């Protein structure tokens, strides 16, 4: 497994959030609908949605017309918000924290590490991108909801 790869759980969470951002007028969606349209295993998505609810990113509505909606506007929900709701703070390497600051206590090579500045810069760039990319940005770039399930079936 490649070391720097977004987990399937984060990928599914982002896809579900983008899906919800495309719903007209905040129309509630069922987990089954999202799972089917996005090609995500339903049971796994149920667990992911609960994490997103717990972190205030998704709202649940009960009843026959119920389902799930974004808890905040798509323009205020960033990739960083979703990733951290699912997996906690992002760190490219043990020697840098989320904001690129050094972590002296973790690596014994720290005082003489030639790579530290590269890890710090990479951490800062990645976090800047995640923090500045919103669901609304993705929605604007695509214009309409990509239908992943159609591609899965056709492929």
Protein backbone atom coordinates (compact mmCIF):
# COMPACT_ATOMS: atom_id res chain seq x y z
CA UNK A 1 0.00 0.00 0.00
CA UNK A 2 1.39 3.41 -0.91
CA UNK A 3 2.33 5.43 2.16
CA UNK A 4 0.72 8.71 1.10
CA UNK A 5 -2.74 7.71 0.06
CA UNK A 6 -6.13 8.99 1.14
CA UNK A 7 -8.00 6.23 2.93
CA UNK A 8 -11.12 4.74 1.40
CA UNK A 9 -13.07 6.03 4.40
CA UNK A 10 -12.00 9.63 3.71
CA UNK A 11 -12.65 9.20 -0.01
CA UNK A 12 -16.18 7.94 0.67
CA UNK A 13 -16.83 10.71 3.20
CA UNK A 14 -15.78 13.39 0.72
CA UNK A 15 -17.86 11.82 -2.04
CA UNK A 16 -20.92 11.67 0.23
CA UNK A 17 -20.47 15.29 1.30
CA UNK A 18 -20.07 16.45 -2.30
CA UNK A 19 -23.18 14.44 -3.19
CA UNK A 20 -25.15 16.19 -0.44
CA UNK A 21 -23.86 19.57 -1.61
CA UNK A 22 -25.48 18.98 -5.01
CA UNK A 23 -28.97 18.41 -3.57
CA UNK A 24 -31.39 21.13 -4.61
CA UNK A 25 -32.70 23.17 -1.69
CA UNK A 26 -31.04 20.89 0.84
CA UNK A 27 -33.25 17.94 -0.13
CA UNK A 28 -32.63 15.11 2.37
CA UNK A 29 -31.04 11.94 0.97
CA UNK A 30 -31.05 8.45 2.36
CA UNK A 31 -27.85 6.52 2.96
CA UNK A 32 -29.13 3.96 0.45
CA UNK A 33 -29.55 6.62 -2.23
CA UNK A 34 -26.06 8.08 -1.66
CA UNK A 35 -24.48 4.60 -1.48
CA UNK A 36 -26.18 3.46 -4.67
CA UNK A 37 -25.42 6.60 -6.68
CA UNK A 38 -21.82 6.85 -5.45
CA UNK A 39 -20.94 3.16 -5.49
CA UNK A 40 -20.19 3.10 -1.74
CA UNK A 41 -20.96 0.07 0.46
CA UNK A 42 -24.08 1.05 2.43
CA UNK A 43 -23.03 -0.34 5.83
CA UNK A 44 -19.67 1.44 5.60
CA UNK A 45 -21.36 4.69 4.59
CA UNK A 46 -23.74 4.46 7.57
CA UNK A 47 -20.73 4.50 9.91
CA UNK A 48 -19.12 7.37 8.01
CA UNK A 49 -22.32 9.44 8.12
CA UNK A 50 -22.48 8.96 11.90
CA UNK A 51 -18.95 10.39 12.22
CA UNK A 52 -19.95 13.34 10.04
CA UNK A 53 -23.06 13.95 12.17
CA UNK A 54 -20.97 13.75 15.36
CA UNK A 55 -18.64 16.44 13.98
CA UNK A 56 -21.48 18.76 12.96
CA UNK A 57 -21.05 18.38 9.20
CA UNK A 58 -24.23 16.41 8.43
CA UNK A 59 -27.75 16.83 9.78
CA UNK A 60 -30.18 13.95 10.18
CA UNK A 61 -33.94 14.32 9.70
CA UNK A 62 -36.25 11.51 10.79
CA UNK A 63 -39.45 10.43 9.13
CA UNK A 64 -40.77 9.37 5.75
CA UNK A 65 -39.32 12.45 4.06
CA UNK A 66 -36.20 12.36 6.21
CA UNK A 67 -32.62 11.66 5.41
CA UNK A 68 -29.32 13.49 5.53
CA UNK A 69 -28.36 17.02 4.55
CA UNK A 70 -25.35 19.25 5.02
CA UNK A 71 -25.37 20.85 8.46
CA UNK A 72 -23.53 23.90 7.09
CA UNK A 73 -23.47 25.62 3.74
CA UNK A 74 -21.25 24.00 1.10
CA UNK A 75 -19.15 27.15 0.98
CA UNK A 76 -18.09 26.74 4.60
CA UNK A 77 -17.25 23.02 4.61
CA UNK A 78 -13.66 22.35 3.60
CA UNK A 79 -11.88 19.16 2.65
CA UNK A 80 -9.89 19.62 5.86
CA UNK A 81 -13.11 19.64 7.90
CA UNK A 82 -14.23 16.35 6.38
CA UNK A 83 -10.84 14.63 6.54
CA UNK A 84 -10.32 15.58 10.18
CA UNK A 85 -13.85 14.50 11.10
CA UNK A 86 -13.06 11.05 9.76
CA UNK A 87 -9.41 10.54 10.69
CA UNK A 88 -8.29 13.36 12.95
CA UNK A 89 -5.40 15.72 12.24
CA UNK A 90 -3.45 15.14 9.03
CA UNK A 91 0.31 14.69 9.22
CA UNK A 92 2.48 13.69 6.25
CA UNK A 93 5.26 12.46 8.51
CA UNK A 94 5.76 11.95 12.24
CA UNK A 95 8.24 14.85 12.40
CA UNK A 96 5.70 17.53 11.45
CA UNK A 97 2.37 18.39 12.98
CA UNK A 98 -0.78 19.47 11.21
CA UNK A 99 0.43 23.02 10.65
CA UNK A 100 3.97 22.02 9.65
CA UNK A 101 5.52 22.71 13.04
CA UNK A 102 8.24 20.37 14.18
CA UNK A 103 7.58 17.55 16.62
CA UNK A 104 10.82 17.26 18.61
CA UNK A 105 9.63 14.45 20.82
CA UNK A 106 8.86 11.93 18.09
CA UNK A 107 11.94 11.61 15.94
CA UNK A 108 15.44 11.10 17.28
CA UNK A 109 16.90 12.33 13.99
CA UNK A 110 15.26 15.74 14.30
CA UNK A 111 18.31 17.83 15.26
CA UNK A 112 20.24 16.73 12.16
CA UNK A 113 17.50 15.76 9.68
CA UNK A 114 18.11 17.15 6.20
CA UNK A 115 14.53 16.39 5.09
CA UNK A 116 12.65 18.25 7.80
CA UNK A 117 12.23 21.47 5.81
CA UNK A 118 10.81 19.50 2.87
CA UNK A 119 8.31 17.70 5.12
CA UNK A 120 7.31 20.99 6.72
CA UNK A 121 6.75 22.69 3.36
CA UNK A 122 4.81 19.71 1.99
CA UNK A 123 2.65 19.63 5.13
CA UNK A 124 1.90 23.34 4.82
CA UNK A 125 1.02 23.13 1.13
CA UNK A 126 -1.25 20.12 1.53
CA UNK A 127 -3.03 21.60 4.53
CA UNK A 128 -3.45 24.95 2.77
CA UNK A 129 -5.09 23.18 -0.17
CA UNK A 130 -7.40 21.09 2.06
CA UNK A 131 -8.30 24.14 4.18
CA UNK A 132 -9.06 26.34 1.19
CA UNK A 133 -11.04 23.84 -0.92
CA UNK A 134 -14.74 23.81 -0.08
CA UNK A 135 -17.57 21.58 -1.22
CA UNK A 136 -18.93 24.60 -3.11
CA UNK A 137 -15.62 24.88 -4.99
CA UNK A 138 -15.96 21.29 -6.18
CA UNK A 139 -19.61 21.83 -7.08
CA UNK A 140 -18.67 24.92 -9.11
CA UNK A 141 -15.92 23.08 -10.99
CA UNK A 142 -18.21 20.22 -12.01
CA UNK A 143 -21.51 22.05 -12.56
CA UNK A 144 -23.48 18.84 -12.14
CA UNK A 145 -23.17 15.80 -9.94
CA UNK A 146 -20.86 13.20 -11.48
CA UNK A 147 -22.60 9.82 -11.47
CA UNK A 148 -20.01 7.39 -10.12
CA UNK A 149 -22.38 4.42 -10.09
CA UNK A 150 -22.96 4.81 -13.84
CA UNK A 151 -19.20 4.58 -14.43
CA UNK A 152 -18.90 1.53 -12.15
CA UNK A 153 -21.67 -0.30 -13.99
CA UNK A 154 -20.39 0.70 -17.45
CA UNK A 155 -16.73 -0.11 -16.64
